[in-house]
Amino acid sequence: MRRLTNILPWLAVLIVAAAPAYLLRFSVFGVPTTILEILIYLFVAVVVFTQRGRFRPIPRSVTWPVILFLAAAVVSTTISPDQRAALGILKAWIVDPIL
């Protein structure tokens, strides 16, 4: 657990250095993604795993508005005629900024 905490600063530096990696695109289960997004997800997963009990990802004052906004985005994605594009937009414009 301690080792993971020590790599957080290096992982953050890697994310900043890999900013141009948003051009490297591929898809996971039909959802388009980039190398940079995968690095961000990895960083968030390591932070959540290493800071269990001490980490609060969303401030209390915005918890319900964020949950309602995310629920509205999920509902609009499910009723979209183009599911693949809707999932990409949900991930890129809603989930990634929340992370």
C-alpha atoms as a PDB file:
ATOM      1  CA  MET A   1       0.000   0.000   0.000  1.00  0.00           C
ATOM      2  CA  ARG A   2       2.832   2.358   0.867  1.00  0.00           C
ATOM      3  CA  ARG A   3       4.510   1.715  -2.496  1.00  0.00           C
ATOM      4  CA  LEU A   4       1.402   2.777  -4.387  1.00  0.00           C
ATOM      5  CA  THR A   5       1.266   6.031  -2.430  1.00  0.00           C
ATOM      6  CA  ASN A   6       4.873   6.736  -3.424  1.00  0.00           C
ATOM      7  CA  ILE A   7       4.120   6.451  -7.145  1.00  0.00           C
ATOM      8  CA  LEU A   8       1.238   8.959  -7.141  1.00  0.00           C
ATOM      9  CA  PRO A   9       3.456  11.997  -7.871  1.00  0.00           C
ATOM     10  CA  TRP A  10       5.226  10.108 -10.663  1.00  0.00           C
ATOM     11  CA  LEU A  11       1.936   8.983 -12.149  1.00  0.00           C
ATOM     12  CA  ALA A  12       0.676  12.577 -12.083  1.00  0.00           C
ATOM     13  CA  VAL A  13       3.845  13.720 -13.875  1.00  0.00           C
ATOM     14  CA  LEU A  14       3.374  10.938 -16.423  1.00  0.00           C
ATOM     15  CA  ILE A  15      -0.172  12.133 -17.117  1.00  0.00           C
ATOM     16  CA  VAL A  16       1.002  15.698 -17.707  1.00  0.00           C
ATOM     17  CA  ALA A  17       3.893  14.521 -19.893  1.00  0.00           C
ATOM     18  CA  ALA A  18       1.553  12.258 -21.852  1.00  0.00           C
ATOM     19  CA  ALA A  19      -0.904  15.040 -22.686  1.00  0.00           C
ATOM     20  CA  PRO A  20      -0.277  14.625 -26.436  1.00  0.00           C
ATOM     21  CA  ALA A  21      -1.392  10.991 -26.042  1.00  0.00           C
ATOM     22  CA  TYR A  22      -4.976  12.120 -26.521  1.00  0.00           C
ATOM     23  CA  LEU A  23      -4.252  11.590 -30.217  1.00  0.00           C
ATOM     24  CA  LEU A  24      -3.659   7.844 -29.733  1.00  0.00           C
ATOM     25  CA  ARG A  25      -7.183   6.510 -30.088  1.00  0.00           C
ATOM     26  CA  PHE A  26      -8.625   3.021 -29.800  1.00  0.00           C
ATOM     27  CA  SER A  27     -11.801   1.463 -28.432  1.00  0.00           C
ATOM     28  CA  VAL A  28     -12.570  -0.693 -25.421  1.00  0.00           C
ATOM     29  CA  PHE A  29     -15.785  -2.735 -25.679  1.00  0.00           C
ATOM     30  CA  GLY A  30     -16.882  -0.453 -28.507  1.00  0.00           C
ATOM     31  CA  VAL A  31     -16.329   2.755 -26.535  1.00  0.00           C
ATOM     32  CA  PRO A  32     -13.701   5.030 -28.059  1.00  0.00           C
ATOM     33  CA  THR A  33     -10.903   6.041 -25.695  1.00  0.00           C
ATOM     34  CA  THR A  34      -7.355   7.388 -25.666  1.00  0.00           C
ATOM     35  CA  ILE A  35      -4.114   6.507 -23.910  1.00  0.00           C
ATOM     36  CA  LEU A  36      -4.398   9.717 -21.872  1.00  0.00           C
ATOM     37  CA  GLU A  37      -7.849   8.753 -20.574  1.00  0.00           C
ATOM     38  CA  ILE A  38      -6.575   5.320 -19.566  1.00  0.00           C
ATOM     39  CA  LEU A  39      -3.740   6.985 -17.613  1.00  0.00           C
ATOM     40  CA  ILE A  40      -6.252   9.256 -15.870  1.00  0.00           C
ATOM     41  CA  TYR A  41      -8.437   6.262 -14.956  1.00  0.00           C
ATOM     42  CA  LEU A  42      -5.380   4.453 -13.619  1.00  0.00           C
ATOM     43  CA  PHE A  43      -4.443   7.486 -11.511  1.00  0.00           C
ATOM     44  CA  VAL A  44      -7.953   7.788 -10.055  1.00  0.00           C
ATOM     45  CA  ALA A  45      -8.044   4.052  -9.299  1.00  0.00           C
ATOM     46  CA  VAL A  46      -4.691   4.209  -7.490  1.00  0.00           C
ATOM     47  CA  VAL A  47      -5.785   7.267  -5.478  1.00  0.00           C
ATOM     48  CA  VAL A  48      -9.083   5.677  -4.471  1.00  0.00           C
ATOM     49  CA  PHE A  49      -7.373   2.386  -3.584  1.00  0.00           C
ATOM     50  CA  THR A  50      -4.566   3.941  -1.536  1.00  0.00           C
ATOM     51  CA  GLN A  51      -6.663   6.579   0.218  1.00  0.00           C
ATOM     52  CA  ARG A  52      -9.540   4.374   1.386  1.00  0.00           C
ATOM     53  CA  GLY A  53     -11.396   6.051   4.228  1.00  0.00           C
ATOM     54  CA  ARG A  54      -9.516   9.351   3.853  1.00  0.00           C
ATOM     55  CA  PHE A  55     -10.456  10.176   0.281  1.00  0.00           C
ATOM     56  CA  ARG A  56     -13.724  11.927  -0.529  1.00  0.00           C
ATOM     57  CA  PRO A  57     -13.940  12.250  -4.318  1.00  0.00           C
ATOM     58  CA  ILE A  58     -16.883  14.678  -4.384  1.00  0.00           C
ATOM     59  CA  PRO A  59     -17.388  17.482  -1.844  1.00  0.00           C
ATOM     60  CA  ARG A  60     -20.553  17.067   0.228  1.00  0.00           C
ATOM     61  CA  SER A  61     -22.143  20.254  -1.085  1.00  0.00           C
ATOM     62  CA  VAL A  62     -22.204  18.992  -4.683  1.00  0.00           C
ATOM     63  CA  THR A  63     -22.811  15.271  -4.194  1.00  0.00           C
ATOM     64  CA  TRP A  64     -26.503  15.241  -5.108  1.00  0.00           C
ATOM     65  CA  PRO A  65     -26.230  17.680  -8.036  1.00  0.00           C
ATOM     66  CA  VAL A  66     -23.398  15.575  -9.501  1.00  0.00           C
ATOM     67  CA  ILE A  67     -25.377  12.352  -9.004  1.00  0.00           C
ATOM     68  CA  LEU A  68     -28.495  13.866 -10.626  1.00  0.00           C
ATOM     69  CA  PHE A  69     -26.480  15.263 -13.530  1.00  0.00           C
ATOM     70  CA  LEU A  70     -24.788  11.892 -14.060  1.00  0.00           C
ATOM     71  CA  ALA A  71     -28.152  10.115 -13.911  1.00  0.00           C
ATOM     72  CA  ALA A  72     -29.596  12.495 -16.516  1.00  0.00           C
ATOM     73  CA  ALA A  73     -26.584  11.876 -18.748  1.00  0.00           C
ATOM     74  CA  VAL A  74     -26.987   8.105 -18.423  1.00  0.00           C
ATOM     75  CA  VAL A  75     -30.698   8.310 -19.239  1.00  0.00           C
ATOM     76  CA  SER A  76     -30.023  10.464 -22.299  1.00  0.00           C
ATOM     77  CA  THR A  77     -27.354   7.999 -23.400  1.00  0.00           C
ATOM     78  CA  THR A  78     -29.728   5.042 -23.130  1.00  0.00           C
ATOM     79  CA  ILE A  79     -32.411   6.715 -25.268  1.00  0.00           C
ATOM     80  CA  SER A  80     -29.957   7.976 -27.886  1.00  0.00           C
ATOM     81  CA  PRO A  81     -30.374   6.560 -31.385  1.00  0.00           C
ATOM     82  CA  ASP A  82     -26.565   6.243 -31.793  1.00  0.00           C
ATOM     83  CA  GLN A  83     -25.373   4.309 -28.729  1.00  0.00           C
ATOM     84  CA  ARG A  84     -21.687   4.238 -29.689  1.00  0.00           C
ATOM     85  CA  ALA A  85     -21.460   7.999 -30.141  1.00  0.00           C
ATOM     86  CA  ALA A  86     -23.540   8.600 -27.020  1.00  0.00           C
ATOM     87  CA  LEU A  87     -21.237   6.420 -24.910  1.00  0.00           C
ATOM     88  CA  GLY A  88     -18.203   8.277 -26.226  1.00  0.00           C
ATOM     89  CA  ILE A  89     -19.777  11.625 -25.390  1.00  0.00           C
ATOM     90  CA  LEU A  90     -20.867  10.401 -21.951  1.00  0.00           C
ATOM     91  CA  LYS A  91     -17.344   9.246 -21.190  1.00  0.00           C
ATOM     92  CA  ALA A  92     -15.519  12.256 -22.648  1.00  0.00           C
ATOM     93  CA  TRP A  93     -17.825  15.103 -21.583  1.00  0.00           C
ATOM     94  CA  ILE A  94     -19.368  13.801 -18.347  1.00  0.00           C
ATOM     95  CA  VAL A  95     -17.398  10.992 -16.670  1.00  0.00           C
ATOM     96  CA  ASP A  96     -13.864  12.227 -17.453  1.00  0.00           C
ATOM     97  CA  PRO A  97     -14.447  15.774 -16.140  1.00  0.00           C
ATOM     98  CA  ILE A  98     -16.053  14.388 -12.969  1.00  0.00           C
ATOM     99  CA  LEU A  99     -12.965  12.239 -12.408  1.00  0.00           C
END
